[in-house]
Amino acid sequence: MGFLSRKKPKPAPVEVHEEQPIVDELQEMEDAVPERAGDSPRDEGARPAGPVSDTGLSPSGESSASSPPAGETVEKRSSEVEVEEGPSEVVEDEPALNAEVEESPEAEGDGRMKAIDLIAPTRLDFLADKEAAEQEPVKTAEVIAFANQKGGVAKTTTTLNLAVAFAESGYRVLCIDLDPQGNLTMSQGIDPDKVEKSLYDVLVNDMPISEIIVKREIDIAVASIDLAGAEIAMSTKIGRERSLEKALKEVHGNYDFVCIDTPPSLGLLTINALTAANKVIVPVQCEYLSMRGLVQLQNTLRMIQENLNPDVKIEGILPTMLDSRTIHAKEAIEILEENFGDLVFQSRIKKAIKFAEAPVKGASVLKYDSSSSAANYYRDLAKEVLSHGSP
């Protein structure tokens, strides 16, 4: 058939003598490795020395013949069995090693670091100190506002004399004159028309309140006529209802009581006082018109509780300027007790000429005439307020 019919001869099978080259190679490798001095047949369970291969090398490193006899093959298989048994015995020894490792921390005690100690220990220490500091209770002053939109009910007289009665009992007291008329400031012998800095600067210009505090019988944050324009100046200020509350944070830890005298209105200044206060004492003259203002004050206080200060509450209603000789005064007290019950203080502030004379001398009635009945009225009131819970 010519060229197409010519078949390519199949390549003759090449006989590969695998055993002899491998044996030679292994022999060279073992010759390169120095023999160990203690090479000897191991006891049962020990790992044999030297490499173990499928070519029938003996543990001593001597190579077998290219075609090992049947006897040598049996020996090779027995050595392989020994090799397979070796690891199992080593695994059995591992628990003992692990036991030693586990016992070592007990012997060393707390010397071994934990994982949490390796992860930013400085930060953890800082957080621990911070948490400890946060857990320490911070003592703050009890803030009492004296409020009634009806004027002439002895708010200023009650604020000053109750504060001095607290001071007589050993408490640290701060009075705040929030009334633009400045009657509380004047009652301590300070002319409100001559003060350079007043609560106006604190509320409007964010001046620290400590800069306007003057020391007299008690510490007093003075007022001036400028407070009359504070509400207009604060009208565009964000958070204007909390201006006094923020200012008091500076001195909260310096006093046990803060007593706030409010103006005879329910405007922004009074709202600032009620927002900053924990308690409200309502002086009420024992007359019909004075008691009528209680309803309006309660409505204002409810709005503040809902929107600004949920913790503020009425501490008590204080009957003032009581003339026990008149039937009208007795009826007024009966009406108060029927409508407000336990909120009405048991203390009564009766009319006394000493209350009019003391401000002329720039002093409280407790200093002006310490042994008078007028001074004892406020001492009794102080004991009653303290019995409700002192800071």
Protein backbone atom coordinates (compact mmCIF):
# COMPACT_ATOMS: atom_id res chain seq x y z
CA MET A 1 0.00 0.00 0.00
CA GLY A 2 2.97 2.24 -0.06
CA PHE A 3 3.59 4.94 2.43
CA LEU A 4 0.04 4.90 3.88
CA SER A 5 0.12 1.21 4.53
CA ARG A 6 3.34 1.46 6.42
CA LYS A 7 2.72 1.01 10.10
CA LYS A 8 4.87 2.61 12.66
CA PRO A 9 6.59 0.04 14.66
CA LYS A 10 5.51 0.00 18.28
CA PRO A 11 8.23 1.06 20.66
CA ALA A 12 9.63 -1.81 22.50
CA PRO A 13 8.70 -1.83 26.14
CA VAL A 14 11.40 -0.26 28.22
CA GLU A 15 12.29 -2.17 31.23
CA VAL A 16 12.69 0.18 34.13
CA HIS A 17 14.81 -1.08 36.86
CA GLU A 18 13.33 1.00 39.63
CA GLU A 19 14.73 -0.85 42.52
CA GLN A 20 18.42 -0.48 41.81
CA PRO A 21 18.49 3.36 41.18
CA ILE A 22 16.41 4.01 44.23
CA VAL A 23 18.58 1.78 46.35
CA ASP A 24 21.68 3.55 45.11
CA GLU A 25 20.17 6.93 45.82
CA LEU A 26 19.15 5.96 49.31
CA GLN A 27 22.56 4.52 49.91
CA GLU A 28 24.13 7.85 48.99
CA MET A 29 21.77 9.67 51.32
CA GLU A 30 22.56 7.44 54.23
CA ASP A 31 26.27 7.68 53.58
CA ALA A 32 25.94 11.45 53.86
CA VAL A 33 24.26 11.18 57.28
CA PRO A 34 26.74 10.37 60.09
CA GLU A 35 25.96 7.27 62.00
CA ARG A 36 24.80 7.69 65.57
CA ALA A 37 26.88 6.19 68.29
CA GLY A 38 24.03 4.52 70.10
CA ASP A 39 22.34 2.88 67.09
CA SER A 40 21.04 -0.42 68.29
CA PRO A 41 17.80 -2.28 68.11
CA ARG A 42 15.22 -0.35 70.11
CA ASP A 43 12.92 -1.80 72.67
CA GLU A 44 9.41 -2.49 71.69
CA GLY A 45 7.38 0.76 71.39
CA ALA A 46 10.38 3.01 70.60
CA ARG A 47 10.74 4.80 67.29
CA PRO A 48 13.55 3.20 65.13
CA ALA A 49 16.52 5.35 64.23
CA GLY A 50 17.23 6.36 60.65
CA PRO A 51 14.80 6.75 57.76
CA VAL A 52 12.37 3.99 57.04
CA SER A 53 11.55 3.27 53.42
CA ASP A 54 9.79 0.70 51.35
CA THR A 55 13.04 -0.46 49.73
CA GLY A 56 14.06 -2.69 52.54
CA LEU A 57 16.71 -0.53 54.19
CA SER A 58 17.69 -1.76 57.60
CA PRO A 59 17.58 0.59 60.60
CA SER A 60 21.38 0.71 60.60
CA GLY A 61 21.38 2.29 57.13
CA GLU A 62 22.70 -0.71 55.14
CA SER A 63 20.96 -1.29 51.86
CA SER A 64 19.52 -4.63 50.86
CA ALA A 65 19.99 -6.38 47.58
CA SER A 66 18.16 -5.24 44.49
CA SER A 67 15.84 -8.24 44.71
CA PRO A 68 15.59 -9.00 48.44
CA PRO A 69 14.75 -12.56 49.38
CA ALA A 70 11.50 -13.49 51.05
CA GLY A 71 13.07 -13.55 54.51
CA GLU A 72 14.26 -9.98 54.27
CA THR A 73 10.82 -8.94 53.06
CA VAL A 74 9.30 -10.37 56.19
CA GLU A 75 11.82 -8.48 58.30
CA LYS A 76 11.01 -5.28 56.44
CA ARG A 77 7.32 -5.73 57.09
CA SER A 78 7.97 -6.38 60.75
CA SER A 79 9.99 -3.15 60.94
CA GLU A 80 7.10 -1.29 59.32
CA VAL A 81 4.78 -2.72 61.92
CA GLU A 82 7.11 -1.43 64.59
CA VAL A 83 7.10 1.98 62.95
CA GLU A 84 3.33 2.06 62.92
CA GLU A 85 3.19 1.08 66.56
CA GLY A 86 5.68 3.78 67.50
CA PRO A 87 3.42 6.82 67.04
CA SER A 88 0.61 5.20 68.97
CA GLU A 89 2.87 4.84 71.97
CA VAL A 90 4.02 8.46 71.58
CA VAL A 91 0.38 9.58 71.55
CA GLU A 92 -0.13 7.68 74.75
CA ASP A 93 2.72 9.65 76.28
CA GLU A 94 1.24 13.02 75.23
CA PRO A 95 -1.41 13.18 77.99
CA ALA A 96 1.36 12.89 80.53
CA LEU A 97 3.18 15.81 78.92
CA ASN A 98 -0.03 17.80 78.80
CA ALA A 99 -0.66 17.05 82.43
CA GLU A 100 2.70 18.51 83.29
CA VAL A 101 1.88 21.62 81.28
CA GLU A 102 -1.45 22.00 83.06
CA GLU A 103 0.14 21.59 86.45
CA SER A 104 2.75 24.25 85.79
CA PRO A 105 0.33 27.26 86.08
CA GLU A 106 -0.87 25.95 89.42
CA ALA A 107 2.70 25.72 90.62
CA GLU A 108 3.50 29.20 89.34
CA GLY A 109 0.34 30.76 90.80
CA ASP A 110 -0.84 34.02 89.21
CA GLY A 111 2.38 34.50 87.26
CA ARG A 112 0.76 33.43 84.01
CA MET A 113 -0.98 36.27 82.16
CA LYS A 114 -4.53 35.84 81.00
CA ALA A 115 -5.80 36.74 77.58
CA ILE A 116 -7.66 39.78 78.93
CA ASP A 117 -4.38 41.08 80.37
CA LEU A 118 -2.78 41.00 76.94
CA ILE A 119 -5.55 43.03 75.29
CA ALA A 120 -4.86 46.72 75.98
CA PRO A 121 -4.31 46.46 79.74
CA THR A 122 -3.80 50.21 80.01
CA ARG A 123 -7.23 50.90 78.54
CA LEU A 124 -8.86 48.38 80.86
CA ASP A 125 -7.20 49.97 83.87
CA PHE A 126 -8.44 53.37 82.73
CA LEU A 127 -12.00 52.11 82.33
CA ALA A 128 -11.90 50.49 85.75
CA ASP A 129 -10.83 53.77 87.35
CA LYS A 130 -13.55 55.60 85.47
CA GLU A 131 -16.23 53.16 86.57
CA ALA A 132 -15.07 53.46 90.17
CA ALA A 133 -15.27 57.24 89.93
CA GLU A 134 -18.76 57.09 88.43
CA GLN A 135 -19.99 54.89 91.25
CA GLU A 136 -19.06 57.46 93.86
CA PRO A 137 -22.22 59.45 94.69
CA VAL A 138 -21.90 63.17 94.11
CA LYS A 139 -23.58 65.23 96.83
CA THR A 140 -25.64 68.08 95.40
CA ALA A 141 -27.55 70.91 97.04
CA GLU A 142 -31.26 70.81 97.73
CA VAL A 143 -32.74 73.58 95.58
CA ILE A 144 -35.91 75.18 96.99
CA ALA A 145 -37.87 77.77 95.04
CA PHE A 146 -40.27 80.11 96.84
CA ALA A 147 -43.00 80.93 94.35
CA ASN A 148 -46.41 82.57 94.17
CA GLN A 149 -47.46 84.92 91.41
CA LYS A 150 -49.41 86.92 93.99
CA GLY A 151 -47.22 89.67 95.41
CA GLY A 152 -46.95 90.68 99.04
CA VAL A 153 -47.23 87.16 100.51
CA ALA A 154 -43.82 87.20 102.31
CA LYS A 155 -41.83 85.28 99.69
CA THR A 156 -38.69 87.35 100.25
CA THR A 157 -39.07 87.32 104.05
CA THR A 158 -39.53 83.54 104.04
CA THR A 159 -36.59 82.94 101.66
CA LEU A 160 -34.14 84.92 103.77
CA ASN A 161 -35.20 83.87 107.25
CA LEU A 162 -35.59 80.18 106.44
CA ALA A 163 -32.13 80.23 104.83
CA VAL A 164 -30.62 81.81 107.95
CA ALA A 165 -32.42 79.22 110.10
CA PHE A 166 -30.78 76.48 108.01
CA ALA A 167 -27.40 78.18 108.51
CA GLU A 168 -27.97 78.24 112.28
CA SER A 169 -28.38 74.45 112.11
CA GLY A 170 -24.95 74.12 110.48
CA TYR A 171 -25.93 73.90 106.81
CA ARG A 172 -24.22 75.74 103.98
CA VAL A 173 -26.81 77.94 102.29
CA LEU A 174 -26.92 80.05 99.13
CA CYS A 175 -29.74 82.51 98.44
CA ILE A 176 -30.54 83.60 94.90
CA ASP A 177 -32.39 86.86 94.32
CA LEU A 178 -34.28 86.35 91.07
CA ASP A 179 -36.64 89.29 91.63
CA PRO A 180 -35.80 92.45 89.62
CA GLN A 181 -36.94 94.52 92.60
CA GLY A 182 -33.89 93.25 94.50
CA ASN A 183 -35.65 93.11 97.89
CA LEU A 184 -33.65 90.08 99.05
CA THR A 185 -30.40 91.78 98.09
CA MET A 186 -31.46 94.92 99.93
CA SER A 187 -32.49 92.92 103.01
CA GLN A 188 -28.82 91.96 103.43
CA GLY A 189 -27.63 95.57 103.31
CA ILE A 190 -26.60 95.54 99.61
CA ASP A 191 -27.82 98.30 97.31
CA PRO A 192 -29.01 96.60 94.10
CA ASP A 193 -28.48 99.83 92.16
CA LYS A 194 -24.74 99.81 92.89
CA VAL A 195 -23.79 96.22 92.13
CA GLU A 196 -21.59 95.89 89.04
CA LYS A 197 -22.45 92.26 88.25
CA SER A 198 -25.72 90.52 88.95
CA LEU A 199 -27.85 87.56 87.94
CA TYR A 200 -28.57 89.35 84.68
CA ASP A 201 -24.98 88.65 83.59
CA VAL A 202 -25.30 85.03 84.66
CA LEU A 203 -28.55 84.35 82.79
CA VAL A 204 -27.90 86.43 79.67
CA ASN A 205 -24.10 86.50 79.29
CA ASP A 206 -23.31 83.09 80.86
CA MET A 207 -21.09 84.60 83.54
CA PRO A 208 -20.08 82.09 86.26
CA ILE A 209 -22.46 82.47 89.19
CA SER A 210 -19.54 82.37 91.63
CA GLU A 211 -18.52 85.85 90.44
CA ILE A 212 -21.71 87.50 91.73
CA ILE A 213 -21.97 85.76 95.12
CA VAL A 214 -21.58 88.07 98.12
CA LYS A 215 -21.04 86.79 101.66
CA ARG A 216 -23.34 88.15 104.36
CA GLU A 217 -25.31 86.16 106.96
CA ILE A 218 -25.58 83.65 104.17
CA ASP A 219 -24.09 83.68 100.67
CA ILE A 220 -26.30 85.60 98.26
CA ALA A 221 -26.32 85.85 94.46
CA VAL A 222 -27.33 89.48 94.07
CA ALA A 223 -29.93 91.01 91.75
CA SER A 224 -30.21 94.35 90.04
CA ILE A 225 -32.85 96.25 88.14
CA ASP A 226 -31.30 94.88 84.94
CA LEU A 227 -33.16 91.63 85.59
CA ALA A 228 -36.31 93.41 84.42
CA GLY A 229 -34.93 93.16 80.87
CA ALA A 230 -33.57 89.64 81.20
CA GLU A 231 -36.65 87.95 79.80
CA ILE A 232 -36.47 89.96 76.56
CA ALA A 233 -32.68 89.45 76.29
CA MET A 234 -33.12 85.69 76.74
CA SER A 235 -35.98 85.36 74.27
CA THR A 236 -33.68 84.29 71.42
CA LYS A 237 -31.42 82.13 73.57
CA ILE A 238 -31.55 78.38 73.02
CA GLY A 239 -32.37 76.53 76.23
CA ARG A 240 -33.32 79.76 77.99
CA GLU A 241 -35.52 77.90 80.51
CA ARG A 242 -32.45 76.04 81.81
CA SER A 243 -30.07 78.99 82.14
CA LEU A 244 -30.22 79.07 85.94
CA GLU A 245 -30.01 75.29 86.20
CA LYS A 246 -26.80 75.25 84.18
CA ALA A 247 -25.32 78.11 86.20
CA LEU A 248 -25.96 76.29 89.49
CA LYS A 249 -23.92 73.26 88.44
CA GLU A 250 -20.77 75.22 89.24
CA VAL A 251 -21.65 75.58 92.95
CA HIS A 252 -23.86 72.53 93.59
CA GLY A 253 -21.18 70.80 95.62
CA ASN A 254 -20.44 73.88 97.76
CA TYR A 255 -23.85 74.15 99.46
CA ASP A 256 -26.45 72.03 101.19
CA PHE A 257 -29.39 74.31 100.36
CA VAL A 258 -30.05 76.80 97.57
CA CYS A 259 -33.05 79.07 98.24
CA ILE A 260 -34.46 81.00 95.27
CA ASP A 261 -36.63 84.09 95.68
CA THR A 262 -38.84 84.49 92.59
CA PRO A 263 -40.66 87.53 91.18
CA PRO A 264 -44.45 87.87 91.57
CA SER A 265 -45.20 86.44 88.13
CA LEU A 266 -45.11 83.20 86.17
CA GLY A 267 -42.74 84.50 83.52
CA LEU A 268 -39.40 83.20 82.26
CA LEU A 269 -37.53 84.04 85.49
CA THR A 270 -39.95 82.00 87.60
CA ILE A 271 -39.84 79.17 85.07
CA ASN A 272 -36.03 79.16 85.37
CA ALA A 273 -36.37 78.86 89.15
CA LEU A 274 -38.88 75.99 88.94
CA THR A 275 -36.77 74.17 86.35
CA ALA A 276 -33.68 74.35 88.56
CA ALA A 277 -35.50 73.43 91.79
CA ASN A 278 -36.17 70.10 93.46
CA LYS A 279 -38.88 71.48 95.74
CA VAL A 280 -41.27 74.43 95.82
CA ILE A 281 -42.53 76.17 98.94
CA VAL A 282 -45.60 78.32 98.32
CA PRO A 283 -46.09 81.16 100.81
CA VAL A 284 -49.78 82.02 100.99
CA GLN A 285 -51.30 84.96 102.79
CA CYS A 286 -54.39 83.87 104.63
CA GLU A 287 -56.72 85.79 102.33
CA TYR A 288 -58.97 84.78 99.46
CA LEU A 289 -57.07 86.53 96.63
CA SER A 290 -53.78 85.01 97.69
CA MET A 291 -55.20 81.47 97.77
CA ARG A 292 -56.75 81.88 94.34
CA GLY A 293 -53.28 82.09 92.79
CA LEU A 294 -52.52 78.54 93.94
CA VAL A 295 -54.56 77.05 91.10
CA GLN A 296 -52.59 78.97 88.48
CA LEU A 297 -49.28 77.99 90.10
CA GLN A 298 -50.31 74.34 90.10
CA ASN A 299 -51.07 74.50 86.37
CA THR A 300 -47.70 76.09 85.64
CA LEU A 301 -45.91 73.53 87.80
CA ARG A 302 -47.65 70.67 85.98
CA MET A 303 -46.46 72.01 82.61
CA ILE A 304 -42.90 72.24 83.92
CA GLN A 305 -43.06 68.68 85.23
CA GLU A 306 -44.22 67.43 81.83
CA ASN A 307 -41.71 69.35 79.73
CA LEU A 308 -38.71 70.57 81.74
CA ASN A 309 -38.30 69.13 85.23
CA PRO A 310 -40.22 65.96 86.11
CA ASP A 311 -38.63 65.80 89.59
CA VAL A 312 -39.89 69.13 90.93
CA LYS A 313 -42.67 68.92 93.50
CA ILE A 314 -44.46 71.09 96.01
CA GLU A 315 -42.77 70.71 99.37
CA GLY A 316 -45.52 72.54 101.19
CA ILE A 317 -47.90 75.46 101.40
CA LEU A 318 -46.96 77.96 104.09
CA PRO A 319 -49.66 80.19 105.66
CA THR A 320 -48.08 83.61 106.23
CA MET A 321 -49.13 86.96 107.70
CA LEU A 322 -51.63 85.13 109.84
CA ASP A 323 -53.82 87.19 112.14
CA SER A 324 -55.35 84.60 114.40
CA ARG A 325 -57.73 87.19 115.87
CA THR A 326 -59.82 87.31 112.68
CA ILE A 327 -62.40 84.74 111.63
CA HIS A 328 -61.42 85.22 107.97
CA ALA A 329 -57.87 84.01 108.64
CA LYS A 330 -59.14 80.89 110.41
CA GLU A 331 -61.52 80.13 107.57
CA ALA A 332 -58.71 80.57 105.05
CA ILE A 333 -56.56 77.97 106.82
CA GLU A 334 -59.50 75.57 106.95
CA ILE A 335 -59.98 75.96 103.19
CA LEU A 336 -56.27 75.28 102.60
CA GLU A 337 -56.27 72.14 104.72
CA GLU A 338 -59.48 70.85 103.09
CA ASN A 339 -58.08 71.24 99.56
CA PHE A 340 -54.39 70.47 100.05
CA GLY A 341 -54.33 68.27 103.15
CA ASP A 342 -50.82 67.30 104.27
CA LEU A 343 -49.20 69.79 101.90
CA VAL A 344 -50.05 72.58 104.33
CA PHE A 345 -47.23 73.15 106.82
CA GLN A 346 -48.07 72.89 110.50
CA SER A 347 -45.90 75.96 111.09
CA ARG A 348 -47.67 79.29 110.92
CA ILE A 349 -46.01 82.64 110.23
CA LYS A 350 -48.00 85.20 112.18
CA LYS A 351 -47.90 88.94 111.70
CA ALA A 352 -45.12 90.68 113.60
CA ILE A 353 -43.61 94.15 113.43
CA LYS A 354 -40.12 92.64 113.57
CA PHE A 355 -40.48 91.47 109.96
CA ALA A 356 -40.80 95.10 108.84
CA GLU A 357 -37.99 96.40 111.06
CA ALA A 358 -35.29 93.83 110.20
CA PRO A 359 -34.74 94.81 106.51
CA VAL A 360 -34.12 98.40 107.57
CA LYS A 361 -31.08 97.14 109.48
CA GLY A 362 -29.99 94.95 106.55
CA ALA A 363 -30.43 91.76 108.54
CA SER A 364 -32.70 88.78 108.95
CA VAL A 365 -35.17 88.72 111.82
CA LEU A 366 -33.11 85.93 113.41
CA LYS A 367 -30.14 88.28 113.65
CA TYR A 368 -32.15 91.44 114.33
CA ASP A 369 -33.99 89.93 117.30
CA SER A 370 -32.89 86.36 117.81
CA SER A 371 -35.13 85.68 120.80
CA SER A 372 -38.31 87.11 119.32
CA SER A 373 -41.35 85.02 118.45
CA ALA A 374 -40.91 86.07 114.82
CA ALA A 375 -37.49 84.39 114.73
CA ASN A 376 -38.87 81.26 116.35
CA TYR A 377 -41.56 80.95 113.66
CA TYR A 378 -38.86 80.32 111.05
CA ARG A 379 -36.81 78.10 113.32
CA ASP A 380 -39.89 75.88 113.70
CA LEU A 381 -40.39 75.94 109.94
CA ALA A 382 -36.76 74.94 109.37
CA LYS A 383 -37.17 71.93 111.67
CA GLU A 384 -40.30 70.87 109.82
CA VAL A 385 -38.64 71.13 106.41
CA LEU A 386 -35.60 69.23 107.63
CA SER A 387 -37.83 66.51 109.08
CA HIS A 388 -39.18 65.91 105.57
CA GLY A 389 -35.68 65.00 104.43
CA SER A 390 -32.43 66.96 104.54
CA PRO A 391 -29.63 66.68 101.95
